[in-house]
Amino acid sequence: MFYHGIDKEYVYRHFPILSARRSVSAQSAEQLADRIHLIRQFGLEPVHLLEAAADYPPARCIAECFKFGDTVFAFPTLAPPFWQLSRREVGIPALDLRHATAIYTTDADQRLEELFRDVPIYRVPRPGQRGNGLG
């Protein structure tokens, strides 16, 4: 499984396709430097996802993804092309949220439920609340 963390506001703004090109103006100086490095290496700035493995279980991927937003999307597979960015991280040119098979969020709302009617949405407590809801 592959996981992508994002704030819901960007989901609503860019639904159904996420592309790193769309968020350039909101990036910090450090993020812009990383973006330039990735463009030089791959020809574009990929959308980042974590990949679960036997030694890196889904619960850990989801917890790590919550560092990047209040909502995490899960995908069973990714369509090529994709690049191995690090041991646990892959990148793709764009991410079609309509292919998500599960959503984890700290704050489910009606709009999210309407956009993803056929996708299970799991509410997870915010960091610091009792339990992480991830098993």
N, C-alpha and C. Protein backbone atom coordinates (compact mmCIF):
# COMPACT_ATOMS: atom_id res chain seq x y z
N MET A 1 0.85 -1.19 0.00
CA MET A 1 0.00 0.00 0.00
C MET A 1 0.89 1.24 0.00
N PHE A 2 0.32 2.29 -0.56
CA PHE A 2 1.00 3.58 -0.64
C PHE A 2 0.13 4.62 0.05
N TYR A 3 0.77 5.59 0.71
CA TYR A 3 0.04 6.57 1.51
C TYR A 3 0.53 7.98 1.21
N HIS A 4 -0.43 8.91 1.16
CA HIS A 4 -0.12 10.32 0.91
C HIS A 4 -0.85 11.18 1.93
N GLY A 5 -0.11 12.01 2.66
CA GLY A 5 -0.69 12.91 3.64
C GLY A 5 -0.84 14.32 3.08
N ILE A 6 -1.97 14.95 3.37
CA ILE A 6 -2.27 16.28 2.83
C ILE A 6 -3.34 16.93 3.70
N ASP A 7 -3.36 18.26 3.73
CA ASP A 7 -4.46 18.97 4.38
C ASP A 7 -5.67 18.95 3.45
N LYS A 8 -6.84 18.74 4.04
CA LYS A 8 -8.08 18.66 3.24
C LYS A 8 -8.30 19.89 2.37
N GLU A 9 -7.88 21.05 2.83
CA GLU A 9 -8.10 22.26 2.03
C GLU A 9 -7.49 22.13 0.64
N TYR A 10 -6.36 21.43 0.52
CA TYR A 10 -5.74 21.24 -0.80
C TYR A 10 -6.48 20.18 -1.61
N VAL A 11 -7.06 19.22 -0.93
CA VAL A 11 -7.90 18.23 -1.62
C VAL A 11 -9.06 18.95 -2.28
N TYR A 12 -9.72 19.81 -1.54
CA TYR A 12 -10.88 20.52 -2.07
C TYR A 12 -10.47 21.48 -3.20
N ARG A 13 -9.32 22.08 -3.07
CA ARG A 13 -8.85 23.05 -4.07
C ARG A 13 -8.44 22.37 -5.37
N HIS A 14 -7.86 21.17 -5.28
CA HIS A 14 -7.26 20.53 -6.46
C HIS A 14 -7.95 19.24 -6.91
N PHE A 15 -8.99 18.80 -6.23
CA PHE A 15 -9.67 17.55 -6.57
C PHE A 15 -10.03 17.53 -8.05
N PRO A 16 -9.84 16.43 -8.75
CA PRO A 16 -9.48 15.10 -8.27
C PRO A 16 -7.99 14.76 -8.41
N ILE A 17 -7.20 15.64 -9.07
CA ILE A 17 -5.81 15.33 -9.35
C ILE A 17 -4.87 16.22 -8.54
N LEU A 18 -3.96 15.60 -7.80
CA LEU A 18 -2.94 16.35 -7.09
C LEU A 18 -1.67 16.37 -7.93
N SER A 19 -1.08 17.54 -8.04
CA SER A 19 0.17 17.71 -8.76
C SER A 19 1.00 18.71 -7.98
N ALA A 20 2.28 18.42 -7.79
CA ALA A 20 3.15 19.33 -7.04
C ALA A 20 3.25 20.69 -7.72
N ARG A 21 3.04 20.75 -9.02
CA ARG A 21 3.11 22.03 -9.74
C ARG A 21 2.09 23.03 -9.21
N ARG A 22 0.98 22.54 -8.72
CA ARG A 22 -0.11 23.43 -8.29
C ARG A 22 0.15 24.12 -6.96
N SER A 23 1.16 23.69 -6.21
CA SER A 23 1.37 24.25 -4.87
C SER A 23 2.68 25.02 -4.75
N VAL A 24 3.28 25.39 -5.86
CA VAL A 24 4.59 26.05 -5.83
C VAL A 24 4.54 27.35 -5.05
N SER A 25 3.53 28.16 -5.22
CA SER A 25 3.47 29.48 -4.57
C SER A 25 3.37 29.37 -3.06
N ALA A 26 2.95 28.23 -2.52
CA ALA A 26 2.79 28.08 -1.08
C ALA A 26 4.00 27.42 -0.42
N GLN A 27 5.10 27.22 -1.16
CA GLN A 27 6.25 26.51 -0.62
C GLN A 27 7.23 27.44 0.07
N SER A 28 7.88 26.91 1.12
CA SER A 28 8.92 27.65 1.83
C SER A 28 10.20 27.63 0.99
N ALA A 29 11.20 28.40 1.42
CA ALA A 29 12.48 28.44 0.71
C ALA A 29 13.12 27.06 0.66
N GLU A 30 13.04 26.30 1.76
CA GLU A 30 13.60 24.95 1.81
C GLU A 30 12.86 24.03 0.83
N GLN A 31 11.54 24.14 0.80
CA GLN A 31 10.75 23.32 -0.13
C GLN A 31 11.05 23.68 -1.58
N LEU A 32 11.26 24.97 -1.86
CA LEU A 32 11.58 25.39 -3.22
C LEU A 32 12.94 24.85 -3.65
N ALA A 33 13.91 24.83 -2.72
CA ALA A 33 15.23 24.28 -3.03
C ALA A 33 15.13 22.79 -3.32
N ASP A 34 14.32 22.08 -2.52
CA ASP A 34 14.10 20.65 -2.76
C ASP A 34 13.41 20.44 -4.10
N ARG A 35 12.46 21.31 -4.42
CA ARG A 35 11.74 21.23 -5.69
C ARG A 35 12.71 21.36 -6.87
N ILE A 36 13.61 22.33 -6.80
CA ILE A 36 14.58 22.52 -7.88
C ILE A 36 15.47 21.29 -8.03
N HIS A 37 15.90 20.72 -6.91
CA HIS A 37 16.71 19.49 -6.95
C HIS A 37 15.95 18.36 -7.65
N LEU A 38 14.70 18.17 -7.29
CA LEU A 38 13.89 17.10 -7.88
C LEU A 38 13.65 17.32 -9.37
N ILE A 39 13.41 18.56 -9.74
CA ILE A 39 13.20 18.87 -11.16
C ILE A 39 14.46 18.56 -11.95
N ARG A 40 15.61 18.90 -11.39
CA ARG A 40 16.87 18.60 -12.08
C ARG A 40 17.08 17.09 -12.20
N GLN A 41 16.68 16.35 -11.16
CA GLN A 41 16.90 14.90 -11.15
C GLN A 41 15.88 14.15 -12.00
N PHE A 42 14.59 14.54 -11.92
CA PHE A 42 13.53 13.77 -12.58
C PHE A 42 12.82 14.51 -13.71
N GLY A 43 13.08 15.79 -13.84
CA GLY A 43 12.41 16.57 -14.87
C GLY A 43 11.09 17.17 -14.40
N LEU A 44 10.71 16.89 -13.17
CA LEU A 44 9.49 17.43 -12.56
C LEU A 44 9.57 17.21 -11.06
N GLU A 45 8.67 17.88 -10.35
CA GLU A 45 8.57 17.64 -8.91
C GLU A 45 7.47 16.61 -8.68
N PRO A 46 7.83 15.42 -8.23
CA PRO A 46 6.81 14.38 -8.05
C PRO A 46 5.98 14.59 -6.78
N VAL A 47 4.79 13.98 -6.79
CA VAL A 47 3.96 13.87 -5.59
C VAL A 47 4.56 12.72 -4.78
N HIS A 48 4.77 12.94 -3.50
CA HIS A 48 5.43 11.96 -2.63
C HIS A 48 4.43 11.04 -1.93
N LEU A 49 4.76 9.77 -1.85
CA LEU A 49 3.97 8.78 -1.11
C LEU A 49 4.91 7.87 -0.33
N LEU A 50 4.43 7.37 0.80
CA LEU A 50 5.17 6.35 1.55
C LEU A 50 4.65 4.98 1.16
N GLU A 51 5.57 4.02 1.11
CA GLU A 51 5.21 2.66 0.77
C GLU A 51 5.35 1.76 1.99
N ALA A 52 4.28 1.03 2.30
CA ALA A 52 4.30 0.09 3.43
C ALA A 52 5.12 -1.14 3.05
N ALA A 53 5.73 -1.74 4.04
CA ALA A 53 6.50 -2.97 3.86
C ALA A 53 6.44 -3.75 5.16
N ALA A 54 6.95 -4.97 5.15
CA ALA A 54 6.92 -5.81 6.36
C ALA A 54 7.58 -5.10 7.54
N ASP A 55 8.66 -4.38 7.28
CA ASP A 55 9.36 -3.68 8.36
C ASP A 55 8.91 -2.22 8.50
N TYR A 56 7.91 -1.83 7.75
CA TYR A 56 7.38 -0.47 7.81
C TYR A 56 5.87 -0.57 7.60
N PRO A 57 5.14 -0.96 8.64
CA PRO A 57 3.71 -1.29 8.51
C PRO A 57 2.83 -0.09 8.18
N PRO A 58 1.62 -0.37 7.69
CA PRO A 58 0.68 0.70 7.34
C PRO A 58 0.46 1.72 8.46
N ALA A 59 0.34 1.26 9.70
CA ALA A 59 0.09 2.20 10.80
C ALA A 59 1.21 3.23 10.91
N ARG A 60 2.43 2.79 10.70
CA ARG A 60 3.56 3.72 10.77
C ARG A 60 3.53 4.68 9.57
N CYS A 61 3.22 4.17 8.39
CA CYS A 61 3.11 5.04 7.21
C CYS A 61 2.06 6.12 7.44
N ILE A 62 0.92 5.71 7.95
CA ILE A 62 -0.18 6.65 8.18
C ILE A 62 0.24 7.70 9.20
N ALA A 63 0.85 7.27 10.30
CA ALA A 63 1.31 8.21 11.33
C ALA A 63 2.31 9.20 10.75
N GLU A 64 3.24 8.73 9.93
CA GLU A 64 4.22 9.62 9.30
C GLU A 64 3.54 10.59 8.34
N CYS A 65 2.57 10.12 7.61
CA CYS A 65 1.86 10.99 6.65
C CYS A 65 1.07 12.09 7.35
N PHE A 66 0.63 11.84 8.57
CA PHE A 66 -0.10 12.88 9.30
C PHE A 66 0.79 14.07 9.63
N LYS A 67 2.10 13.93 9.49
CA LYS A 67 3.00 15.07 9.67
C LYS A 67 2.86 16.07 8.52
N PHE A 68 2.24 15.63 7.42
CA PHE A 68 2.11 16.48 6.24
C PHE A 68 0.70 16.98 6.01
N GLY A 69 -0.23 16.61 6.88
CA GLY A 69 -1.58 17.08 6.71
C GLY A 69 -2.55 16.36 7.62
N ASP A 70 -3.80 16.81 7.59
CA ASP A 70 -4.82 16.25 8.47
C ASP A 70 -5.54 15.05 7.87
N THR A 71 -5.15 14.67 6.65
CA THR A 71 -5.82 13.59 5.95
C THR A 71 -4.80 12.74 5.21
N VAL A 72 -4.99 11.42 5.24
CA VAL A 72 -4.08 10.49 4.57
C VAL A 72 -4.90 9.61 3.63
N PHE A 73 -4.46 9.53 2.39
CA PHE A 73 -5.09 8.70 1.38
C PHE A 73 -4.27 7.44 1.17
N ALA A 74 -4.95 6.29 1.05
CA ALA A 74 -4.28 5.01 0.84
C ALA A 74 -4.60 4.49 -0.56
N PHE A 75 -3.57 3.93 -1.21
CA PHE A 75 -3.68 3.41 -2.57
C PHE A 75 -3.04 2.03 -2.62
N PRO A 76 -3.72 1.04 -3.22
CA PRO A 76 -3.13 -0.30 -3.29
C PRO A 76 -1.99 -0.40 -4.30
N THR A 77 -2.06 0.38 -5.37
CA THR A 77 -1.03 0.36 -6.41
C THR A 77 -0.86 1.76 -6.98
N LEU A 78 0.22 1.94 -7.71
CA LEU A 78 0.47 3.19 -8.42
C LEU A 78 0.74 2.87 -9.89
N ALA A 79 0.23 3.71 -10.75
CA ALA A 79 0.50 3.54 -12.18
C ALA A 79 1.85 4.15 -12.51
N PRO A 80 2.61 3.51 -13.39
CA PRO A 80 3.88 4.09 -13.79
C PRO A 80 3.66 5.37 -14.60
N PRO A 81 4.61 6.25 -14.66
CA PRO A 81 5.94 6.09 -14.07
C PRO A 81 5.95 6.50 -12.60
N PHE A 82 6.82 5.88 -11.85
CA PHE A 82 7.09 6.35 -10.50
C PHE A 82 8.56 6.13 -10.20
N TRP A 83 9.05 6.91 -9.25
CA TRP A 83 10.48 6.91 -8.93
C TRP A 83 10.68 6.61 -7.45
N GLN A 84 11.73 5.88 -7.13
CA GLN A 84 12.10 5.61 -5.75
C GLN A 84 12.88 6.82 -5.27
N LEU A 85 12.30 7.61 -4.38
CA LEU A 85 12.94 8.83 -3.89
C LEU A 85 13.84 8.56 -2.70
N SER A 86 13.46 7.57 -1.89
CA SER A 86 14.26 7.13 -0.75
C SER A 86 13.82 5.71 -0.45
N ARG A 87 14.35 5.14 0.61
CA ARG A 87 14.03 3.74 0.93
C ARG A 87 12.52 3.54 1.09
N ARG A 88 11.83 4.48 1.67
CA ARG A 88 10.39 4.34 1.97
C ARG A 88 9.50 5.21 1.09
N GLU A 89 10.08 6.08 0.30
CA GLU A 89 9.29 7.09 -0.39
C GLU A 89 9.38 6.92 -1.90
N VAL A 90 8.21 7.04 -2.55
CA VAL A 90 8.15 7.02 -4.00
C VAL A 90 7.51 8.32 -4.47
N GLY A 91 7.75 8.64 -5.74
CA GLY A 91 7.18 9.84 -6.31
C GLY A 91 6.51 9.51 -7.63
N ILE A 92 5.42 10.21 -7.91
CA ILE A 92 4.71 10.06 -9.18
C ILE A 92 4.40 11.46 -9.72
N PRO A 93 4.19 11.57 -11.04
CA PRO A 93 3.93 12.90 -11.61
C PRO A 93 2.66 13.56 -11.08
N ALA A 94 1.60 12.77 -10.90
CA ALA A 94 0.33 13.29 -10.40
C ALA A 94 -0.41 12.16 -9.70
N LEU A 95 -1.27 12.51 -8.77
CA LEU A 95 -1.98 11.52 -7.97
C LEU A 95 -3.48 11.71 -8.15
N ASP A 96 -4.15 10.69 -8.66
CA ASP A 96 -5.59 10.74 -8.85
C ASP A 96 -6.26 10.22 -7.58
N LEU A 97 -6.84 11.12 -6.82
CA LEU A 97 -7.45 10.76 -5.54
C LEU A 97 -8.65 9.83 -5.70
N ARG A 98 -9.22 9.76 -6.88
CA ARG A 98 -10.36 8.88 -7.11
C ARG A 98 -9.97 7.40 -7.04
N HIS A 99 -8.67 7.11 -7.01
CA HIS A 99 -8.20 5.72 -6.91
C HIS A 99 -7.91 5.31 -5.47
N ALA A 100 -8.15 6.19 -4.51
CA ALA A 100 -7.93 5.86 -3.10
C ALA A 100 -8.88 4.75 -2.66
N THR A 101 -8.38 3.86 -1.82
CA THR A 101 -9.23 2.78 -1.30
C THR A 101 -9.54 2.95 0.18
N ALA A 102 -8.90 3.93 0.83
CA ALA A 102 -9.20 4.26 2.23
C ALA A 102 -8.70 5.67 2.50
N ILE A 103 -9.37 6.33 3.43
CA ILE A 103 -8.98 7.67 3.84
C ILE A 103 -8.95 7.70 5.36
N TYR A 104 -7.90 8.30 5.91
CA TYR A 104 -7.76 8.48 7.36
C TYR A 104 -7.70 9.99 7.58
N THR A 105 -8.52 10.48 8.51
CA THR A 105 -8.54 11.93 8.73
C THR A 105 -8.77 12.24 10.20
N THR A 106 -8.23 13.38 10.62
CA THR A 106 -8.44 13.82 11.99
C THR A 106 -9.76 14.57 12.12
N ASP A 107 -10.34 14.94 10.99
CA ASP A 107 -11.54 15.77 11.03
C ASP A 107 -12.41 15.52 9.80
N ALA A 108 -13.17 14.43 9.83
CA ALA A 108 -14.06 14.12 8.71
C ALA A 108 -15.14 15.19 8.62
N ASP A 109 -15.54 15.50 7.41
CA ASP A 109 -16.63 16.45 7.23
C ASP A 109 -17.50 16.01 6.05
N GLN A 110 -18.61 16.65 5.90
CA GLN A 110 -19.58 16.26 4.87
C GLN A 110 -19.00 16.38 3.46
N ARG A 111 -18.20 17.39 3.23
CA ARG A 111 -17.64 17.57 1.88
C ARG A 111 -16.73 16.41 1.51
N LEU A 112 -15.89 15.96 2.44
CA LEU A 112 -15.01 14.82 2.18
C LEU A 112 -15.84 13.58 1.91
N GLU A 113 -16.87 13.37 2.71
CA GLU A 113 -17.74 12.21 2.53
C GLU A 113 -18.48 12.25 1.20
N GLU A 114 -18.86 13.43 0.74
CA GLU A 114 -19.55 13.54 -0.55
C GLU A 114 -18.61 13.26 -1.72
N LEU A 115 -17.38 13.74 -1.63
CA LEU A 115 -16.41 13.52 -2.72
C LEU A 115 -16.02 12.05 -2.82
N PHE A 116 -16.00 11.35 -1.67
CA PHE A 116 -15.51 9.97 -1.63
C PHE A 116 -16.58 9.04 -1.07
N ARG A 117 -17.74 9.05 -1.67
CA ARG A 117 -18.90 8.26 -1.20
C ARG A 117 -18.61 6.78 -1.05
N ASP A 118 -17.82 6.21 -1.94
CA ASP A 118 -17.59 4.77 -1.93
C ASP A 118 -16.27 4.38 -1.26
N VAL A 119 -15.62 5.31 -0.60
CA VAL A 119 -14.33 5.05 0.03
C VAL A 119 -14.50 5.10 1.55
N PRO A 120 -14.05 4.06 2.27
CA PRO A 120 -14.14 4.11 3.73
C PRO A 120 -13.29 5.27 4.27
N ILE A 121 -13.88 6.03 5.18
CA ILE A 121 -13.19 7.14 5.83
C ILE A 121 -13.09 6.83 7.32
N TYR A 122 -11.86 6.79 7.82
CA TYR A 122 -11.60 6.46 9.21
C TYR A 122 -11.16 7.71 9.95
N ARG A 123 -11.84 8.00 11.03
CA ARG A 123 -11.48 9.16 11.84
C ARG A 123 -10.39 8.75 12.82
N VAL A 124 -9.32 9.51 12.85
CA VAL A 124 -8.16 9.24 13.69
C VAL A 124 -7.97 10.43 14.61
N PRO A 125 -7.77 10.18 15.92
CA PRO A 125 -7.55 11.32 16.83
C PRO A 125 -6.33 12.14 16.44
N ARG A 126 -6.41 13.42 16.73
CA ARG A 126 -5.26 14.30 16.48
C ARG A 126 -4.09 13.85 17.35
N PRO A 127 -2.86 14.11 16.92
CA PRO A 127 -1.70 13.75 17.76
C PRO A 127 -1.87 14.35 19.15
N GLY A 128 -1.57 13.56 20.15
CA GLY A 128 -1.71 14.01 21.53
C GLY A 128 -3.02 13.56 22.18
N GLN A 129 -4.01 13.16 21.37
CA GLN A 129 -5.24 12.63 21.92
C GLN A 129 -5.04 11.15 22.26
N ARG A 130 -5.86 10.62 23.14
CA ARG A 130 -5.73 9.22 23.52
C ARG A 130 -5.97 8.32 22.32
N GLY A 131 -5.08 7.33 22.16
CA GLY A 131 -5.21 6.36 21.08
C GLY A 131 -4.91 6.99 19.73
N ASN A 132 -4.40 6.19 18.82
CA ASN A 132 -4.14 6.73 17.50
C ASN A 132 -5.07 6.13 16.44
N GLY A 133 -5.92 5.22 16.84
CA GLY A 133 -6.90 4.66 15.92
C GLY A 133 -6.29 3.84 14.80
N LEU A 134 -5.01 3.56 14.88
CA LEU A 134 -4.32 2.88 13.81
C LEU A 134 -3.99 1.44 14.14
N GLY A 135 -4.37 0.97 15.30
CA GLY A 135 -4.14 -0.43 15.65
C GLY A 135 -2.82 -0.63 16.18
